[in-house]
C-alpha atoms as a PDB file:
ATOM      1  CA  MET A   1      21.744 -12.084   3.011  1.00  0.00           C
ATOM      2  CA  ALA A   2      22.954  -9.344   0.624  1.00  0.00           C
ATOM      3  CA  LYS A   3      25.989 -11.328  -0.283  1.00  0.00           C
ATOM      4  CA  LEU A   4      24.276 -14.750  -0.378  1.00  0.00           C
ATOM      5  CA  PHE A   5      21.503 -13.626  -2.580  1.00  0.00           C
ATOM      6  CA  ARG A   6      23.172 -10.776  -4.478  1.00  0.00           C
ATOM      7  CA  SER A   7      21.933 -11.967  -7.805  1.00  0.00           C
ATOM      8  CA  LYS A   8      18.250 -11.501  -6.674  1.00  0.00           C
ATOM      9  CA  PHE A   9      18.644  -7.745  -6.305  1.00  0.00           C
ATOM     10  CA  THR A  10      19.008  -4.724  -8.639  1.00  0.00           C
ATOM     11  CA  HIS A  11      19.789  -2.411  -5.662  1.00  0.00           C
ATOM     12  CA  VAL A  12      20.886  -2.825  -2.085  1.00  0.00           C
ATOM     13  CA  SER A  13      20.514   0.027   0.383  1.00  0.00           C
ATOM     14  CA  PRO A  14      22.579  -0.165   3.617  1.00  0.00           C
ATOM     15  CA  VAL A  15      21.238   2.177   6.340  1.00  0.00           C
ATOM     16  CA  TRP A  16      24.462   4.103   6.850  1.00  0.00           C
ATOM     17  CA  TYR A  17      23.954   7.858   6.641  1.00  0.00           C
ATOM     18  CA  GLN A  18      22.195  10.811   8.399  1.00  0.00           C
ATOM     19  CA  LEU A  19      22.253  14.442   7.182  1.00  0.00           C
ATOM     20  CA  LYS A  20      21.873  16.748  10.134  1.00  0.00           C
ATOM     21  CA  ARG A  21      22.967  20.071  11.597  1.00  0.00           C
ATOM     22  CA  ASP A  22      25.176  20.159  14.690  1.00  0.00           C
ATOM     23  CA  ASN A  23      27.048  22.894  16.424  1.00  0.00           C
ATOM     24  CA  SER A  24      29.530  23.278  13.711  1.00  0.00           C
ATOM     25  CA  GLY A  25      27.211  23.358  10.727  1.00  0.00           C
ATOM     26  CA  LEU A  26      25.496  20.848   8.313  1.00  0.00           C
ATOM     27  CA  HIS A  27      27.110  17.481   8.119  1.00  0.00           C
ATOM     28  CA  LEU A  28      26.618  14.015   6.619  1.00  0.00           C
ATOM     29  CA  HIS A  29      27.197  11.428   9.244  1.00  0.00           C
ATOM     30  CA  GLY A  30      27.750   7.715   8.791  1.00  0.00           C
ATOM     31  CA  ARG A  31      31.073   7.157   6.833  1.00  0.00           C
ATOM     32  CA  HIS A  32      32.423   5.137   9.779  1.00  0.00           C
ATOM     33  CA  ASP A  33      29.767   2.551   9.110  1.00  0.00           C
ATOM     34  CA  VAL A  34      30.742   2.102   5.412  1.00  0.00           C
ATOM     35  CA  ASP A  35      32.243  -1.334   4.826  1.00  0.00           C
ATOM     36  CA  GLN A  36      34.099  -1.467   1.570  1.00  0.00           C
ATOM     37  CA  LYS A  37      34.831  -5.171   1.840  1.00  0.00           C
ATOM     38  CA  TRP A  38      31.254  -5.864   2.118  1.00  0.00           C
ATOM     39  CA  ILE A  39      30.449  -3.603  -0.876  1.00  0.00           C
ATOM     40  CA  SER A  40      33.075  -5.426  -2.920  1.00  0.00           C
ATOM     41  CA  ASP A  41      31.577  -8.800  -1.989  1.00  0.00           C
ATOM     42  CA  VAL A  42      28.000  -7.648  -2.821  1.00  0.00           C
ATOM     43  CA  ARG A  43      28.597  -5.637  -5.934  1.00  0.00           C
ATOM     44  CA  GLN A  44      30.358  -7.907  -8.427  1.00  0.00           C
ATOM     45  CA  GLY A  45      30.589  -6.762 -11.994  1.00  0.00           C
ATOM     46  CA  GLY A  46      28.548  -3.649 -11.109  1.00  0.00           C
ATOM     47  CA  SER A  47      25.457  -5.408  -9.827  1.00  0.00           C
ATOM     48  CA  PRO A  48      23.507  -4.956  -7.621  1.00  0.00           C
ATOM     49  CA  LYS A  49      23.836  -1.201  -7.295  1.00  0.00           C
ATOM     50  CA  ILE A  50      24.788   0.090  -3.822  1.00  0.00           C
ATOM     51  CA  VAL A  51      22.603   2.978  -2.816  1.00  0.00           C
ATOM     52  CA  PRO A  52      22.918   3.806   0.808  1.00  0.00           C
ATOM     53  CA  ARG A  53      19.998   5.340   2.662  1.00  0.00           C
ATOM     54  CA  VAL A  54      20.403   8.949   3.737  1.00  0.00           C
ATOM     55  CA  VAL A  55      17.931  10.174   6.427  1.00  0.00           C
ATOM     56  CA  LEU A  56      17.402  13.868   6.848  1.00  0.00           C
ATOM     57  CA  GLU A  57      17.383  14.708  10.525  1.00  0.00           C
ATOM     58  CA  GLY A  58      16.621  17.735  12.543  1.00  0.00           C
ATOM     59  CA  TYR A  59      14.362  20.753  11.723  1.00  0.00           C
ATOM     60  CA  PRO A  60      14.807  21.212   8.006  1.00  0.00           C
ATOM     61  CA  THR A  61      13.297  24.634   7.209  1.00  0.00           C
ATOM     62  CA  ASP A  62      16.589  26.349   6.508  1.00  0.00           C
ATOM     63  CA  MET A  63      17.691  23.443   4.194  1.00  0.00           C
ATOM     64  CA  LEU A  64      14.451  23.966   2.130  1.00  0.00           C
ATOM     65  CA  THR A  65      14.195  27.851   2.088  1.00  0.00           C
ATOM     66  CA  LYS A  66      17.776  29.043   2.098  1.00  0.00           C
ATOM     67  CA  GLU A  67      19.680  28.587  -1.239  1.00  0.00           C
ATOM     68  CA  GLU A  68      23.078  28.329   0.363  1.00  0.00           C
ATOM     69  CA  GLU A  69      22.163  25.655   2.839  1.00  0.00           C
ATOM     70  CA  ARG A  70      20.113  23.681   0.210  1.00  0.00           C
ATOM     71  CA  GLU A  71      23.259  23.728  -2.038  1.00  0.00           C
ATOM     72  CA  GLU A  72      25.442  22.697   0.870  1.00  0.00           C
ATOM     73  CA  ALA A  73      23.148  19.819   1.602  1.00  0.00           C
ATOM     74  CA  ILE A  74      23.023  18.536  -2.041  1.00  0.00           C
ATOM     75  CA  ASP A  75      26.840  19.008  -2.375  1.00  0.00           C
ATOM     76  CA  ALA A  76      27.422  16.912   0.800  1.00  0.00           C
ATOM     77  CA  ILE A  77      25.392  14.044  -0.478  1.00  0.00           C
ATOM     78  CA  THR A  78      26.670  14.217  -4.091  1.00  0.00           C
ATOM     79  CA  SER A  79      30.323  14.478  -2.964  1.00  0.00           C
ATOM     80  CA  GLU A  80      29.891  11.374  -0.691  1.00  0.00           C
ATOM     81  CA  VAL A  81      28.384   9.371  -3.418  1.00  0.00           C
ATOM     82  CA  THR A  82      31.272  10.226  -5.780  1.00  0.00           C
ATOM     83  CA  LYS A  83      34.144   9.884  -3.247  1.00  0.00           C
ATOM     84  CA  MET A  84      32.782   6.483  -1.882  1.00  0.00           C
ATOM     85  CA  GLN A  85      31.929   5.226  -5.382  1.00  0.00           C
ATOM     86  CA  PHE A  86      28.350   4.490  -4.597  1.00  0.00           C
ATOM     87  CA  ASP A  87      25.685   4.115  -7.393  1.00  0.00           C
ATOM     88  CA  GLY A  88      23.395   6.793  -5.829  1.00  0.00           C
ATOM     89  CA  ILE A  89      21.296   6.978  -2.673  1.00  0.00           C
ATOM     90  CA  VAL A  90      17.860   6.204  -1.150  1.00  0.00           C
ATOM     91  CA  LEU A  91      16.528   9.470   0.387  1.00  0.00           C
ATOM     92  CA  GLU A  92      14.202   9.232   3.395  1.00  0.00           C
ATOM     93  CA  ALA A  93      12.793  12.738   4.069  1.00  0.00           C
ATOM     94  CA  TRP A  94       9.137  12.866   3.456  1.00  0.00           C
ATOM     95  CA  SER A  95       8.186  11.271   6.843  1.00  0.00           C
ATOM     96  CA  LEU A  96      10.485  13.784   8.632  1.00  0.00           C
ATOM     97  CA  TRP A  97       8.845  16.721   6.782  1.00  0.00           C
ATOM     98  CA  ARG A  98       5.471  15.367   7.651  1.00  0.00           C
ATOM     99  CA  GLY A  99       6.410  14.897  11.244  1.00  0.00           C
ATOM    100  CA  TYR A 100       7.477  18.532  11.493  1.00  0.00           C
ATOM    101  CA  ARG A 101       4.150  19.575   9.798  1.00  0.00           C
ATOM    102  CA  LEU A 102       6.105  21.474   7.077  1.00  0.00           C
ATOM    103  CA  LEU A 103       4.011  19.843   4.356  1.00  0.00           C
ATOM    104  CA  GLN A 104       0.888  21.592   5.578  1.00  0.00           C
ATOM    105  CA  ASP A 105       2.501  24.885   4.489  1.00  0.00           C
ATOM    106  CA  SER A 106       2.028  24.935   0.659  1.00  0.00           C
ATOM    107  CA  ASN A 107       5.201  27.084   0.062  1.00  0.00           C
ATOM    108  CA  LEU A 108       7.263  24.712   2.210  1.00  0.00           C
ATOM    109  CA  ARG A 109       5.747  21.699   0.561  1.00  0.00           C
ATOM    110  CA  GLN A 110       6.758  22.978  -2.811  1.00  0.00           C
ATOM    111  CA  LYS A 111      10.287  23.701  -1.590  1.00  0.00           C
ATOM    112  CA  ALA A 112      10.482  20.152  -0.343  1.00  0.00           C
ATOM    113  CA  LEU A 113       9.679  18.875  -3.829  1.00  0.00           C
ATOM    114  CA  GLU A 114      12.078  21.307  -5.436  1.00  0.00           C
ATOM    115  CA  PHE A 115      14.842  20.053  -3.082  1.00  0.00           C
ATOM    116  CA  ILE A 116      14.213  16.404  -4.168  1.00  0.00           C
ATOM    117  CA  LYS A 117      14.137  17.528  -7.870  1.00  0.00           C
ATOM    118  CA  LEU A 118      17.455  19.506  -7.560  1.00  0.00           C
ATOM    119  CA  LEU A 119      19.174  16.641  -5.682  1.00  0.00           C
ATOM    120  CA  GLY A 120      18.117  14.220  -8.362  1.00  0.00           C
ATOM    121  CA  MET A 121      19.285  16.540 -11.186  1.00  0.00           C
ATOM    122  CA  GLU A 122      22.646  17.041  -9.554  1.00  0.00           C
ATOM    123  CA  LEU A 123      23.192  13.308  -9.027  1.00  0.00           C
ATOM    124  CA  HIS A 124      22.271  12.700 -12.697  1.00  0.00           C
ATOM    125  CA  THR A 125      24.731  15.255 -13.966  1.00  0.00           C
ATOM    126  CA  THR A 126      27.531  14.558 -11.735  1.00  0.00           C
ATOM    127  CA  LYS A 127      30.489  12.946 -13.588  1.00  0.00           C
ATOM    128  CA  SER A 128      32.858  10.352 -12.282  1.00  0.00           C
ATOM    129  CA  PRO A 129      35.950   9.154 -14.113  1.00  0.00           C
ATOM    130  CA  LYS A 130      35.412   5.647 -12.604  1.00  0.00           C
ATOM    131  CA  ARG A 131      31.850   5.285 -14.166  1.00  0.00           C
ATOM    132  CA  LYS A 132      30.884   4.289 -17.627  1.00  0.00           C
ATOM    133  CA  SER A 133      29.333   6.803 -19.872  1.00  0.00           C
ATOM    134  CA  GLY A 134      25.610   6.937 -19.378  1.00  0.00           C
ATOM    135  CA  ASP A 135      25.839   5.127 -16.045  1.00  0.00           C
ATOM    136  CA  LEU A 136      24.194   7.920 -13.879  1.00  0.00           C
ATOM    137  CA  PHE A 137      24.119   8.126 -10.080  1.00  0.00           C
ATOM    138  CA  GLN A 138      20.495   7.427  -9.069  1.00  0.00           C
ATOM    139  CA  LEU A 139      18.063   8.754  -6.580  1.00  0.00           C
ATOM    140  CA  ILE A 140      15.312   6.573  -4.920  1.00  0.00           C
ATOM    141  CA  LEU A 141      12.840   8.388  -2.798  1.00  0.00           C
ATOM    142  CA  VAL A 142      11.002   6.685   0.107  1.00  0.00           C
ATOM    143  CA  ILE A 143       7.337   7.754   0.084  1.00  0.00           C
ATOM    144  CA  PRO A 144       4.513   6.903   2.576  1.00  0.00           C
ATOM    145  CA  PRO A 145       1.328   5.162   1.558  1.00  0.00           C
ATOM    146  CA  PRO A 146      -1.587   7.468   0.621  1.00  0.00           C
ATOM    147  CA  THR A 147      -3.550   8.388   3.727  1.00  0.00           C
ATOM    148  CA  GLY A 148      -6.798   7.933   2.050  1.00  0.00           C
ATOM    149  CA  THR A 149      -7.913  11.624   2.898  1.00  0.00           C
ATOM    150  CA  PRO A 150      -8.452  13.706  -0.239  1.00  0.00           C
ATOM    151  CA  GLN A 151      -6.276  16.815  -0.441  1.00  0.00           C
ATOM    152  CA  ASP A 152      -4.152  15.789   2.466  1.00  0.00           C
ATOM    153  CA  PRO A 153      -0.970  17.858   2.187  1.00  0.00           C
ATOM    154  CA  ASN A 154       0.948  15.213   4.043  1.00  0.00           C
ATOM    155  CA  SER A 155       0.281  12.533   1.287  1.00  0.00           C
ATOM    156  CA  PHE A 156       2.730  12.009  -1.574  1.00  0.00           C
ATOM    157  CA  THR A 157       0.443  12.346  -4.582  1.00  0.00           C
ATOM    158  CA  THR A 158       0.196  11.374  -8.216  1.00  0.00           C
ATOM    159  CA  SER A 159       1.048  14.977  -9.184  1.00  0.00           C
ATOM    160  CA  ASP A 160       4.136  14.924  -7.023  1.00  0.00           C
ATOM    161  CA  MET A 161       5.236  11.710  -8.775  1.00  0.00           C
ATOM    162  CA  ILE A 162       4.788  13.324 -12.096  1.00  0.00           C
ATOM    163  CA  TYR A 163       6.618  16.461 -11.091  1.00  0.00           C
ATOM    164  CA  LEU A 164       9.622  14.360 -10.068  1.00  0.00           C
ATOM    165  CA  ARG A 165       9.470  11.788 -12.804  1.00  0.00           C
ATOM    166  CA  ASP A 166      12.686  12.946 -14.596  1.00  0.00           C
ATOM    167  CA  SER A 167      14.821  13.465 -11.419  1.00  0.00           C
ATOM    168  CA  VAL A 168      13.780  10.411  -9.343  1.00  0.00           C
ATOM    169  CA  ASP A 169      14.746   6.951 -10.495  1.00  0.00           C
ATOM    170  CA  GLY A 170      12.522   5.028  -8.072  1.00  0.00           C
ATOM    171  CA  PHE A 171       9.656   5.595  -5.570  1.00  0.00           C
ATOM    172  CA  SER A 172       9.943   3.179  -2.667  1.00  0.00           C
ATOM    173  CA  LEU A 173       6.384   3.004  -1.338  1.00  0.00           C
ATOM    174  CA  MET A 174       6.073   1.957   2.296  1.00  0.00           C
ATOM    175  CA  THR A 175       3.135  -0.424   1.930  1.00  0.00           C
ATOM    176  CA  TYR A 176       3.591  -2.008   5.487  1.00  0.00           C
ATOM    177  CA  ASP A 177       2.943  -1.001   9.045  1.00  0.00           C
ATOM    178  CA  TYR A 178      -0.769  -0.951   8.389  1.00  0.00           C
ATOM    179  CA  SER A 179      -1.347  -2.109  11.970  1.00  0.00           C
ATOM    180  CA  ASN A 180       0.327  -1.239  15.230  1.00  0.00           C
ATOM    181  CA  ALA A 181       0.338  -2.190  18.922  1.00  0.00           C
ATOM    182  CA  TYR A 182      -2.574   0.093  19.574  1.00  0.00           C
ATOM    183  CA  ALA A 183      -4.669  -1.455  16.731  1.00  0.00           C
ATOM    184  CA  PRO A 184      -3.294  -4.910  16.298  1.00  0.00           C
ATOM    185  CA  GLY A 185      -3.802  -6.661  12.952  1.00  0.00           C
ATOM    186  CA  PRO A 186      -2.205  -7.664   9.698  1.00  0.00           C
ATOM    187  CA  ASN A 187       1.128  -6.097   8.568  1.00  0.00           C
ATOM    188  CA  ALA A 188      -0.068  -5.034   5.184  1.00  0.00           C
ATOM    189  CA  PRO A 189      -3.476  -6.311   3.773  1.00  0.00           C
ATOM    190  CA  LEU A 190      -3.190  -7.077   0.120  1.00  0.00           C
ATOM    191  CA  ALA A 191      -6.405  -5.072  -0.673  1.00  0.00           C
ATOM    192  CA  TRP A 192      -4.901  -2.076   1.052  1.00  0.00           C
ATOM    193  CA  MET A 193      -1.682  -2.406  -0.911  1.00  0.00           C
ATOM    194  CA  ARG A 194      -3.657  -2.708  -4.182  1.00  0.00           C
ATOM    195  CA  GLN A 195      -5.608   0.504  -3.096  1.00  0.00           C
ATOM    196  CA  CYS A 196      -2.416   2.361  -2.514  1.00  0.00           C
ATOM    197  CA  LEU A 197      -1.035   1.621  -5.958  1.00  0.00           C
ATOM    198  CA  ALA A 198      -4.501   2.528  -7.515  1.00  0.00           C
ATOM    199  CA  VAL A 199      -4.495   5.952  -5.764  1.00  0.00           C
ATOM    200  CA  LEU A 200      -0.808   6.738  -6.557  1.00  0.00           C
ATOM    201  CA  LEU A 201      -0.100   5.438 -10.045  1.00  0.00           C
ATOM    202  CA  PRO A 202      -1.023   7.931 -12.865  1.00  0.00           C
ATOM    203  CA  LYS A 203      -3.205   6.967 -15.747  1.00  0.00           C
ATOM    204  CA  GLY A 204      -2.502   7.748 -19.405  1.00  0.00           C
ATOM    205  CA  LYS A 205      -3.551  10.961 -21.060  1.00  0.00           C
ATOM    206  CA  GLY A 206      -2.981  12.993 -17.991  1.00  0.00           C
ATOM    207  CA  LYS A 207      -5.613  11.256 -15.786  1.00  0.00           C
ATOM    208  CA  GLU A 208      -4.928  11.212 -11.976  1.00  0.00           C
ATOM    209  CA  GLY A 209      -4.791   7.996  -9.900  1.00  0.00           C
ATOM    210  CA  GLU A 210      -8.222   7.069  -8.690  1.00  0.00           C
ATOM    211  CA  ARG A 211      -9.669   7.205  -5.241  1.00  0.00           C
ATOM    212  CA  ALA A 212      -9.998   3.418  -5.034  1.00  0.00           C
ATOM    213  CA  ASP A 213     -12.408   1.243  -3.136  1.00  0.00           C
ATOM    214  CA  ALA A 214     -10.312  -1.564  -1.434  1.00  0.00           C
ATOM    215  CA  ARG A 215     -13.153  -3.982  -2.248  1.00  0.00           C
ATOM    216  CA  LYS A 216     -12.816  -3.549  -5.976  1.00  0.00           C
ATOM    217  CA  ASP A 217     -11.607  -6.430  -7.963  1.00  0.00           C
ATOM    218  CA  LEU A 218      -8.499  -6.265 -10.171  1.00  0.00           C
ATOM    219  CA  GLN A 219     -10.386  -5.564 -13.422  1.00  0.00           C
ATOM    220  CA  SER A 220     -12.107  -2.418 -11.904  1.00  0.00           C
ATOM    221  CA  TYR A 221      -8.814  -0.862 -11.159  1.00  0.00           C
ATOM    222  CA  ASP A 222      -8.092  -0.492 -14.817  1.00  0.00           C
ATOM    223  CA  ILE A 223      -4.428  -1.525 -14.388  1.00  0.00           C
ATOM    224  CA  ALA A 224      -3.768  -1.455 -18.108  1.00  0.00           C
ATOM    225  CA  SER A 225      -4.437   2.274 -18.284  1.00  0.00           C
ATOM    226  CA  ARG A 226      -1.574   3.085 -15.831  1.00  0.00           C
ATOM    227  CA  VAL A 227       1.533   4.812 -17.228  1.00  0.00           C
ATOM    228  CA  PRO A 228       4.133   2.032 -17.629  1.00  0.00           C
ATOM    229  CA  GLU A 229       7.105   4.388 -17.169  1.00  0.00           C
ATOM    230  CA  MET A 230       5.800   5.545 -13.762  1.00  0.00           C
ATOM    231  CA  ALA A 231       4.753   1.963 -12.721  1.00  0.00           C
ATOM    232  CA  SER A 232       8.235   0.668 -13.543  1.00  0.00           C
ATOM    233  CA  LYS A 233       9.700   3.430 -11.198  1.00  0.00           C
ATOM    234  CA  THR A 234       7.416   2.341  -8.297  1.00  0.00           C
ATOM    235  CA  LEU A 235       8.733  -0.103  -5.758  1.00  0.00           C
ATOM    236  CA  MET A 236       5.831  -1.755  -3.688  1.00  0.00           C
ATOM    237  CA  GLY A 237       7.028  -2.212  -0.159  1.00  0.00           C
ATOM    238  CA  ILE A 238       7.125  -5.695   1.321  1.00  0.00           C
ATOM    239  CA  ASN A 239       7.839  -6.387   4.871  1.00  0.00           C
ATOM    240  CA  PHE A 240      10.188  -9.252   5.884  1.00  0.00           C
ATOM    241  CA  TYR A 241       9.386  -8.640   9.610  1.00  0.00           C
ATOM    242  CA  GLY A 242       6.315  -9.455  11.559  1.00  0.00           C
ATOM    243  CA  ASN A 243       4.387  -8.503  14.784  1.00  0.00           C
ATOM    244  CA  ASP A 244       3.826 -10.316  17.985  1.00  0.00           C
ATOM    245  CA  TYR A 245       0.842  -8.570  19.571  1.00  0.00           C
ATOM    246  CA  SER A 246      -0.478  -9.016  23.090  1.00  0.00           C
ATOM    247  CA  MET A 247      -4.188  -8.635  22.925  1.00  0.00           C
ATOM    248  CA  PRO A 248      -6.121  -6.412  22.855  1.00  0.00           C
ATOM    249  CA  GLN A 249      -3.202  -3.982  22.810  1.00  0.00           C
ATOM    250  CA  GLY A 250       0.528  -4.198  23.042  1.00  0.00           C
ATOM    251  CA  GLY A 251       3.381  -6.028  21.600  1.00  0.00           C
ATOM    252  CA  GLY A 252       5.615  -5.159  18.746  1.00  0.00           C
ATOM    253  CA  ALA A 253       7.812  -6.191  15.773  1.00  0.00           C
ATOM    254  CA  ILE A 254       9.638  -9.448  15.466  1.00  0.00           C
ATOM    255  CA  VAL A 255      12.237 -10.653  13.078  1.00  0.00           C
ATOM    256  CA  GLY A 256      12.988 -14.136  11.759  1.00  0.00           C
ATOM    257  CA  HIS A 257      14.959 -15.747  14.548  1.00  0.00           C
ATOM    258  CA  GLU A 258      12.186 -14.570  17.067  1.00  0.00           C
ATOM    259  CA  TYR A 259       9.493 -15.990  14.922  1.00  0.00           C
ATOM    260  CA  ILE A 260      11.293 -19.371  14.806  1.00  0.00           C
ATOM    261  CA  SER A 261      11.626 -19.306  18.534  1.00  0.00           C
ATOM    262  CA  LEU A 262       7.834 -18.820  18.951  1.00  0.00           C
ATOM    263  CA  LEU A 263       7.101 -21.650  16.629  1.00  0.00           C
ATOM    264  CA  ALA A 264       9.505 -23.981  18.568  1.00  0.00           C
ATOM    265  CA  GLN A 265       8.016 -22.902  21.908  1.00  0.00           C
ATOM    266  CA  HIS A 266       4.321 -22.899  21.218  1.00  0.00           C
ATOM    267  CA  LYS A 267       3.911 -25.264  18.192  1.00  0.00           C
ATOM    268  CA  PRO A 268       0.897 -23.251  16.884  1.00  0.00           C
ATOM    269  CA  ILE A 269      -1.382 -23.900  13.984  1.00  0.00           C
ATOM    270  CA  LEU A 270      -0.977 -21.306  11.197  1.00  0.00           C
ATOM    271  CA  THR A 271      -4.275 -19.790   9.916  1.00  0.00           C
ATOM    272  CA  TRP A 272      -4.630 -18.062   6.537  1.00  0.00           C
ATOM    273  CA  GLU A 273      -6.558 -14.881   6.888  1.00  0.00           C
ATOM    274  CA  GLU A 274      -8.373 -14.371   3.565  1.00  0.00           C
ATOM    275  CA  ALA A 275      -9.255 -10.767   4.167  1.00  0.00           C
ATOM    276  CA  SER A 276      -5.696  -9.730   4.403  1.00  0.00           C
ATOM    277  CA  SER A 277      -3.992 -12.560   2.502  1.00  0.00           C
ATOM    278  CA  GLU A 278      -1.597 -13.152   5.506  1.00  0.00           C
ATOM    279  CA  HIS A 279      -0.913 -16.013   7.896  1.00  0.00           C
ATOM    280  CA  TYR A 280      -1.117 -15.582  11.641  1.00  0.00           C
ATOM    281  CA  PHE A 281      -1.177 -17.797  14.821  1.00  0.00           C
ATOM    282  CA  THR A 282      -2.284 -17.340  18.382  1.00  0.00           C
ATOM    283  CA  TYR A 283      -0.807 -18.409  21.685  1.00  0.00           C
ATOM    284  CA  SER A 284      -1.209 -17.612  25.366  1.00  0.00           C
ATOM    285  CA  LYS A 285       1.578 -16.596  27.705  1.00  0.00           C
ATOM    286  CA  GLU A 286       1.660 -16.397  31.496  1.00  0.00           C
ATOM    287  CA  GLU A 287       2.480 -13.064  32.844  1.00  0.00           C
ATOM    288  CA  SER A 288       5.769 -12.973  34.635  1.00  0.00           C
ATOM    289  CA  MET A 289       4.576 -10.632  37.357  1.00  0.00           C
ATOM    290  CA  ILE A 290       1.092 -12.107  37.870  1.00  0.00           C
ATOM    291  CA  LYS A 291       0.558 -15.759  38.753  1.00  0.00           C
ATOM    292  CA  ASN A 292      -2.149 -17.761  36.953  1.00  0.00           C
ATOM    293  CA  LYS A 293      -2.823 -14.842  34.574  1.00  0.00           C
ATOM    294  CA  LYS A 294      -2.256 -15.395  30.854  1.00  0.00           C
ATOM    295  CA  THR A 295      -2.183 -12.976  28.003  1.00  0.00           C
ATOM    296  CA  ASP A 296      -3.374 -13.851  24.548  1.00  0.00           C
ATOM    297  CA  HIS A 297      -1.003 -13.169  21.718  1.00  0.00           C
ATOM    298  CA  LYS A 298      -1.601 -12.951  17.921  1.00  0.00           C
ATOM    299  CA  VAL A 299       1.302 -13.166  15.543  1.00  0.00           C
ATOM    300  CA  TYR A 300       1.506 -12.035  11.999  1.00  0.00           C
ATOM    301  CA  TYR A 301       4.624 -12.887  10.053  1.00  0.00           C
ATOM    302  CA  PRO A 302       5.239 -13.247   6.233  1.00  0.00           C
ATOM    303  CA  SER A 303       4.992 -16.757   4.699  1.00  0.00           C
ATOM    304  CA  LEU A 304       5.805 -18.067   1.247  1.00  0.00           C
ATOM    305  CA  GLN A 305       2.018 -17.897   0.367  1.00  0.00           C
ATOM    306  CA  SER A 306       1.692 -14.202   1.513  1.00  0.00           C
ATOM    307  CA  LEU A 307       4.875 -13.216  -0.289  1.00  0.00           C
ATOM    308  CA  SER A 308       3.874 -14.988  -3.427  1.00  0.00           C
ATOM    309  CA  THR A 309       0.504 -13.281  -3.603  1.00  0.00           C
ATOM    310  CA  ARG A 310       2.273  -9.861  -3.246  1.00  0.00           C
ATOM    311  CA  LEU A 311       4.818 -10.656  -5.861  1.00  0.00           C
ATOM    312  CA  GLU A 312       2.078 -11.585  -8.317  1.00  0.00           C
ATOM    313  CA  GLU A 313       0.301  -8.368  -7.494  1.00  0.00           C
ATOM    314  CA  ALA A 314       3.449  -6.371  -8.263  1.00  0.00           C
ATOM    315  CA  LYS A 315       3.688  -8.183 -11.581  1.00  0.00           C
ATOM    316  CA  ARG A 316       0.094  -7.348 -12.513  1.00  0.00           C
ATOM    317  CA  TRP A 317       0.715  -3.637 -11.919  1.00  0.00           C
ATOM    318  CA  GLY A 318       4.122  -3.598 -13.551  1.00  0.00           C
ATOM    319  CA  VAL A 319       5.873  -2.417 -10.418  1.00  0.00           C
ATOM    320  CA  GLY A 320       9.059  -3.484  -8.627  1.00  0.00           C
ATOM    321  CA  ILE A 321       9.304  -4.253  -4.947  1.00  0.00           C
ATOM    322  CA  SER A 322      11.429  -2.862  -2.017  1.00  0.00           C
ATOM    323  CA  ILE A 323      11.984  -5.083   1.006  1.00  0.00           C
ATOM    324  CA  TRP A 324      12.243  -3.879   4.508  1.00  0.00           C
ATOM    325  CA  GLU A 325      14.472  -5.501   5.367  1.00  0.00           C
ATOM    326  CA  ILE A 326      16.438  -8.409   3.886  1.00  0.00           C
ATOM    327  CA  GLY A 327      18.010  -9.214   7.244  1.00  0.00           C
ATOM    328  CA  GLN A 328      14.789  -9.639   9.122  1.00  0.00           C
ATOM    329  CA  GLY A 329      13.315 -12.473   6.945  1.00  0.00           C
ATOM    330  CA  LEU A 330      13.778 -16.215   6.763  1.00  0.00           C
ATOM    331  CA  GLU A 331      16.412 -17.501   4.227  1.00  0.00           C
ATOM    332  CA  TYR A 332      13.948 -19.487   2.149  1.00  0.00           C
ATOM    333  CA  PHE A 333      11.870 -16.245   1.365  1.00  0.00           C
ATOM    334  CA  PHE A 334      14.641 -15.477  -1.192  1.00  0.00           C
ATOM    335  CA  ASP A 335      13.727 -18.653  -3.018  1.00  0.00           C
ATOM    336  CA  ILE A 336      10.658 -17.159  -4.603  1.00  0.00           C
ATOM    337  CA  LEU A 337      12.197 -13.718  -5.486  1.00  0.00           C
END
């Protein structure tokens, strides 16, 4: 998909790298996955930019609090970007820090922000003889959607975005996975995505993003007051996968070929859910272990209509989009990008 629709993208992020500590020290793993032929096929004439994802793994306290280890981590990433002639990286770390509950410690939370800032500054100032003057290495940061709880230290906030504005080139907002197998429902209700942008994006003259009501109409979000520079750095997440839920609980994610198989097998009627602006269908399936017992299923998967509404929403706010992930969708999705 990346090669076929390369002209549709500004950046492509293969999921190749993990930065973690093992018995011999701190190491960046994943170079064995790098495919230079694929890079050459995708990046023609310098576009789209190749920015591999780097996931931070393992307990990260030393990386955040010890200057020597922090510098070692930043050097490992920067050196790999230079050596492999990438255009930067996508950093996935905030969810890890949240999982270890480090962000609940105000000192460690600030150290986490400083780590991101220093990494971005190092990437921006690193020179490479094979790059044009002014063509800086880039840092894109993956951030979770706001939790909706005021003063939640696990949330990435408007103030965090402003603090990192000069060192981060893009904020990839994970506006998907709204529902799960324990609470089945739509993948990413449009009103919720809108609310996430309203909470996160800063307003002009130093005003913070608002604690938005998901029922508000577009006018009441005061989109025109948002800082254009910050909106342009924000990438609203769009899922190219779906979910096949067994009701009332259970099931899991599906990708394009699985969705097509379900359509062929059950020939369902697609229903447009106005509340979420998503399509779904239902079917029943006999349990393999229990005769004459059927389980009801509900399937949510992107459609051209659901994608179009989200692309229009992104345009209204002046934000870009980030897709998770391009290999999981249907080929005709790319027609409307």
